[in-house]
Amino acid sequence: MRWAKIDRVIYGARQGNVDDQMFRFPALNIDAYHQACGGCFDHAGGIHDDMVGHLYRLGGDG
């Protein structure tokens, strides 16, 4: 993100509502990335989580 100069990330489903299998490194979250880069980007999550969360649950209707 830093090399691409991305300074804002907005995502629909929050990690807590997504199966861990959907993440290559589930122990790392957006807050860890934010802290590691010294706060070099803004982020907002859970935007319409109720509408997209099912897409990231195994065995769901996604």
C-alpha atoms as a PDB file:
ATOM      1  CA  MET A   1       0.000   0.000   0.000  1.00  0.00           C
ATOM      2  CA  ARG A   2       2.817   2.365   0.847  1.00  0.00           C
ATOM      3  CA  TRP A   3       4.618   1.786  -2.467  1.00  0.00           C
ATOM      4  CA  ALA A   4       1.367   2.234  -4.371  1.00  0.00           C
ATOM      5  CA  LYS A   5       0.683   5.421  -2.367  1.00  0.00           C
ATOM      6  CA  ILE A   6      -2.706   4.168  -1.227  1.00  0.00           C
ATOM      7  CA  ASP A   7      -3.725   6.415   1.640  1.00  0.00           C
ATOM      8  CA  ARG A   8      -7.292   5.269   2.295  1.00  0.00           C
ATOM      9  CA  VAL A   9      -8.899   1.821   2.489  1.00  0.00           C
ATOM     10  CA  ILE A  10     -12.645   1.273   2.755  1.00  0.00           C
ATOM     11  CA  TYR A  11     -13.908  -2.280   3.057  1.00  0.00           C
ATOM     12  CA  GLY A  12     -17.272  -3.913   3.463  1.00  0.00           C
ATOM     13  CA  ALA A  13     -16.820  -6.931   5.726  1.00  0.00           C
ATOM     14  CA  ARG A  14     -14.931  -6.707   8.994  1.00  0.00           C
ATOM     15  CA  GLN A  15     -12.471  -9.493   9.727  1.00  0.00           C
ATOM     16  CA  GLY A  16     -14.420 -10.582  12.799  1.00  0.00           C
ATOM     17  CA  ASN A  17     -17.351 -11.479  10.539  1.00  0.00           C
ATOM     18  CA  VAL A  18     -15.262 -13.406   8.004  1.00  0.00           C
ATOM     19  CA  ASP A  19     -14.041 -17.007   8.231  1.00  0.00           C
ATOM     20  CA  ASP A  20     -10.318 -17.224   9.029  1.00  0.00           C
ATOM     21  CA  GLN A  21      -9.821 -19.427   5.952  1.00  0.00           C
ATOM     22  CA  MET A  22     -10.424 -16.344   3.820  1.00  0.00           C
ATOM     23  CA  PHE A  23      -7.218 -14.774   5.152  1.00  0.00           C
ATOM     24  CA  ARG A  24      -3.738 -16.016   4.311  1.00  0.00           C
ATOM     25  CA  PHE A  25      -2.509 -14.644   7.660  1.00  0.00           C
ATOM     26  CA  PRO A  26      -5.602 -14.393   9.884  1.00  0.00           C
ATOM     27  CA  ALA A  27      -3.619 -13.195  12.906  1.00  0.00           C
ATOM     28  CA  LEU A  28      -2.751  -9.977  11.046  1.00  0.00           C
ATOM     29  CA  ASN A  29      -5.490  -7.420  10.816  1.00  0.00           C
ATOM     30  CA  ILE A  30      -5.948  -3.947   9.408  1.00  0.00           C
ATOM     31  CA  ASP A  31      -4.959  -2.355  12.718  1.00  0.00           C
ATOM     32  CA  ALA A  32      -1.625  -4.247  12.656  1.00  0.00           C
ATOM     33  CA  TYR A  33      -0.897  -2.988   9.132  1.00  0.00           C
ATOM     34  CA  HIS A  34      -1.905   0.529  10.127  1.00  0.00           C
ATOM     35  CA  GLN A  35       0.396   0.479  13.141  1.00  0.00           C
ATOM     36  CA  ALA A  36       3.303  -1.114  11.206  1.00  0.00           C
ATOM     37  CA  CYS A  37       3.351   1.697   8.658  1.00  0.00           C
ATOM     38  CA  GLY A  38       3.106   4.408  11.273  1.00  0.00           C
ATOM     39  CA  GLY A  39      -0.460   5.295  10.388  1.00  0.00           C
ATOM     40  CA  CYS A  40       0.305   5.999   6.720  1.00  0.00           C
ATOM     41  CA  PHE A  41      -3.301   5.333   5.645  1.00  0.00           C
ATOM     42  CA  ASP A  42      -6.837   5.882   6.875  1.00  0.00           C
ATOM     43  CA  HIS A  43      -9.276   3.007   6.967  1.00  0.00           C
ATOM     44  CA  ALA A  44     -12.960   2.409   7.504  1.00  0.00           C
ATOM     45  CA  GLY A  45     -14.557  -0.995   7.679  1.00  0.00           C
ATOM     46  CA  GLY A  46     -17.840  -2.676   8.167  1.00  0.00           C
ATOM     47  CA  ILE A  47     -19.450  -0.559   5.473  1.00  0.00           C
ATOM     48  CA  HIS A  48     -22.575  -2.578   4.658  1.00  0.00           C
ATOM     49  CA  ASP A  49     -21.116  -5.561   6.527  1.00  0.00           C
ATOM     50  CA  ASP A  50     -24.597  -7.033   6.732  1.00  0.00           C
ATOM     51  CA  MET A  51     -24.878  -6.971   2.938  1.00  0.00           C
ATOM     52  CA  VAL A  52     -21.495  -8.497   2.048  1.00  0.00           C
ATOM     53  CA  GLY A  53     -20.483 -10.592   5.058  1.00  0.00           C
ATOM     54  CA  HIS A  54     -22.130 -13.727   3.698  1.00  0.00           C
ATOM     55  CA  LEU A  55     -19.763 -13.655   0.719  1.00  0.00           C
ATOM     56  CA  TYR A  56     -16.867 -14.429   3.073  1.00  0.00           C
ATOM     57  CA  ARG A  57     -18.371 -17.252   5.120  1.00  0.00           C
ATOM     58  CA  LEU A  58     -17.609 -20.799   4.099  1.00  0.00           C
ATOM     59  CA  GLY A  59     -20.696 -22.881   3.492  1.00  0.00           C
ATOM     60  CA  GLY A  60     -22.816 -19.753   3.305  1.00  0.00           C
ATOM     61  CA  ASP A  61     -24.963 -18.556   0.470  1.00  0.00           C
ATOM     62  CA  GLY A  62     -22.149 -16.518  -1.127  1.00  0.00           C
END
